[in-house]
Amino acid sequence: MNYILSASETRPNSFWNKYLTLSDRKACAKTGTSNKMFMKDGKKTILPGDIWTAGYTPQITTVVW
């Protein structure tokens, strides 16, 4: 599990990938979203409802929601 969550090359090469990688230590990260349906101009639109990230190193763990 640690290998999978710390392998930055398996994450999409997007804006957030550089923020989920630490150059001086092994860091693991997992992100997620949940969808929520909104009505906009009388049309149903599905947008992210919640966005979260959990990350850890051997020394510290953090979760942001």
C-alpha atoms as a PDB file:
ATOM      1  CA  MET A   1       0.000   0.000   0.000  1.00  0.00           C
ATOM      2  CA  ASN A   2       2.840   2.404   0.820  1.00  0.00           C
ATOM      3  CA  TYR A   3       4.425   1.829  -2.594  1.00  0.00           C
ATOM      4  CA  ILE A   4       1.196   2.489  -4.446  1.00  0.00           C
ATOM      5  CA  LEU A   5       0.379   5.666  -2.524  1.00  0.00           C
ATOM      6  CA  SER A   6       3.929   7.043  -2.767  1.00  0.00           C
ATOM      7  CA  ALA A   7       4.534   6.372  -6.487  1.00  0.00           C
ATOM      8  CA  SER A   8       4.149   9.847  -8.016  1.00  0.00           C
ATOM      9  CA  GLU A   9       4.604   8.439 -11.526  1.00  0.00           C
ATOM     10  CA  THR A  10       1.285   6.581 -11.209  1.00  0.00           C
ATOM     11  CA  ARG A  11      -0.622   9.780 -10.399  1.00  0.00           C
ATOM     12  CA  PRO A  12      -1.986  11.943 -13.211  1.00  0.00           C
ATOM     13  CA  ASN A  13       0.651  14.465 -14.272  1.00  0.00           C
ATOM     14  CA  SER A  14      -1.369  17.481 -13.270  1.00  0.00           C
ATOM     15  CA  PHE A  15      -1.049  20.623 -11.217  1.00  0.00           C
ATOM     16  CA  TRP A  16      -1.531  18.859  -7.845  1.00  0.00           C
ATOM     17  CA  ASN A  17       1.047  16.097  -8.332  1.00  0.00           C
ATOM     18  CA  LYS A  18       3.980  18.384  -7.453  1.00  0.00           C
ATOM     19  CA  TYR A  19       2.261  19.335  -4.174  1.00  0.00           C
ATOM     20  CA  LEU A  20       1.763  15.678  -3.190  1.00  0.00           C
ATOM     21  CA  THR A  21       5.470  14.827  -3.583  1.00  0.00           C
ATOM     22  CA  LEU A  22       8.288  15.689  -1.164  1.00  0.00           C
ATOM     23  CA  SER A  23      11.857  15.728  -2.451  1.00  0.00           C
ATOM     24  CA  ASP A  24      13.543  14.937   0.888  1.00  0.00           C
ATOM     25  CA  ARG A  25      11.425  12.021   2.169  1.00  0.00           C
ATOM     26  CA  LYS A  26       9.009   9.293   1.161  1.00  0.00           C
ATOM     27  CA  ALA A  27       5.470  10.638   1.246  1.00  0.00           C
ATOM     28  CA  CYS A  28       2.185   8.913   0.487  1.00  0.00           C
ATOM     29  CA  ALA A  29      -1.023  10.623  -0.620  1.00  0.00           C
ATOM     30  CA  LYS A  30      -4.584   9.739  -1.538  1.00  0.00           C
ATOM     31  CA  THR A  31      -7.153  12.139  -2.929  1.00  0.00           C
ATOM     32  CA  GLY A  32     -10.859  11.791  -3.473  1.00  0.00           C
ATOM     33  CA  THR A  33     -14.077  13.553  -4.365  1.00  0.00           C
ATOM     34  CA  SER A  34     -17.768  12.939  -4.014  1.00  0.00           C
ATOM     35  CA  ASN A  35     -20.233  14.216  -6.577  1.00  0.00           C
ATOM     36  CA  LYS A  36     -23.237  16.387  -5.862  1.00  0.00           C
ATOM     37  CA  MET A  37     -26.058  17.300  -8.220  1.00  0.00           C
ATOM     38  CA  PHE A  38     -26.914  20.995  -8.547  1.00  0.00           C
ATOM     39  CA  MET A  39     -29.620  22.757 -10.504  1.00  0.00           C
ATOM     40  CA  LYS A  40     -28.253  25.587 -12.652  1.00  0.00           C
ATOM     41  CA  ASP A  41     -30.483  27.503 -15.053  1.00  0.00           C
ATOM     42  CA  GLY A  42     -33.033  24.702 -14.844  1.00  0.00           C
ATOM     43  CA  LYS A  43     -30.466  22.046 -15.830  1.00  0.00           C
ATOM     44  CA  LYS A  44     -28.985  19.301 -13.696  1.00  0.00           C
ATOM     45  CA  THR A  45     -25.237  19.727 -13.240  1.00  0.00           C
ATOM     46  CA  ILE A  46     -22.975  17.304 -11.394  1.00  0.00           C
ATOM     47  CA  LEU A  47     -20.030  18.930  -9.647  1.00  0.00           C
ATOM     48  CA  PRO A  48     -17.643  17.831  -6.892  1.00  0.00           C
ATOM     49  CA  GLY A  49     -19.427  18.065  -3.544  1.00  0.00           C
ATOM     50  CA  ASP A  50     -16.500  17.261  -1.272  1.00  0.00           C
ATOM     51  CA  ILE A  51     -12.799  17.168  -2.072  1.00  0.00           C
ATOM     52  CA  TRP A  52     -10.271  15.621   0.315  1.00  0.00           C
ATOM     53  CA  THR A  53      -6.630  14.608   0.527  1.00  0.00           C
ATOM     54  CA  ALA A  54      -4.933  12.336   3.055  1.00  0.00           C
ATOM     55  CA  GLY A  55      -1.167  12.172   3.249  1.00  0.00           C
ATOM     56  CA  TYR A  56       1.523  10.730   5.460  1.00  0.00           C
ATOM     57  CA  THR A  57       5.252  10.342   5.952  1.00  0.00           C
ATOM     58  CA  PRO A  58       6.954   8.118   8.519  1.00  0.00           C
ATOM     59  CA  GLN A  59       6.800  11.099  10.937  1.00  0.00           C
ATOM     60  CA  ILE A  60       3.398  12.773  10.374  1.00  0.00           C
ATOM     61  CA  THR A  61      -0.107  12.203   9.022  1.00  0.00           C
ATOM     62  CA  THR A  62      -2.585  14.809   7.832  1.00  0.00           C
ATOM     63  CA  VAL A  63      -6.023  14.903   6.230  1.00  0.00           C
ATOM     64  CA  VAL A  64      -7.632  17.912   4.546  1.00  0.00           C
ATOM     65  CA  TRP A  65     -11.325  18.009   3.676  1.00  0.00           C
END
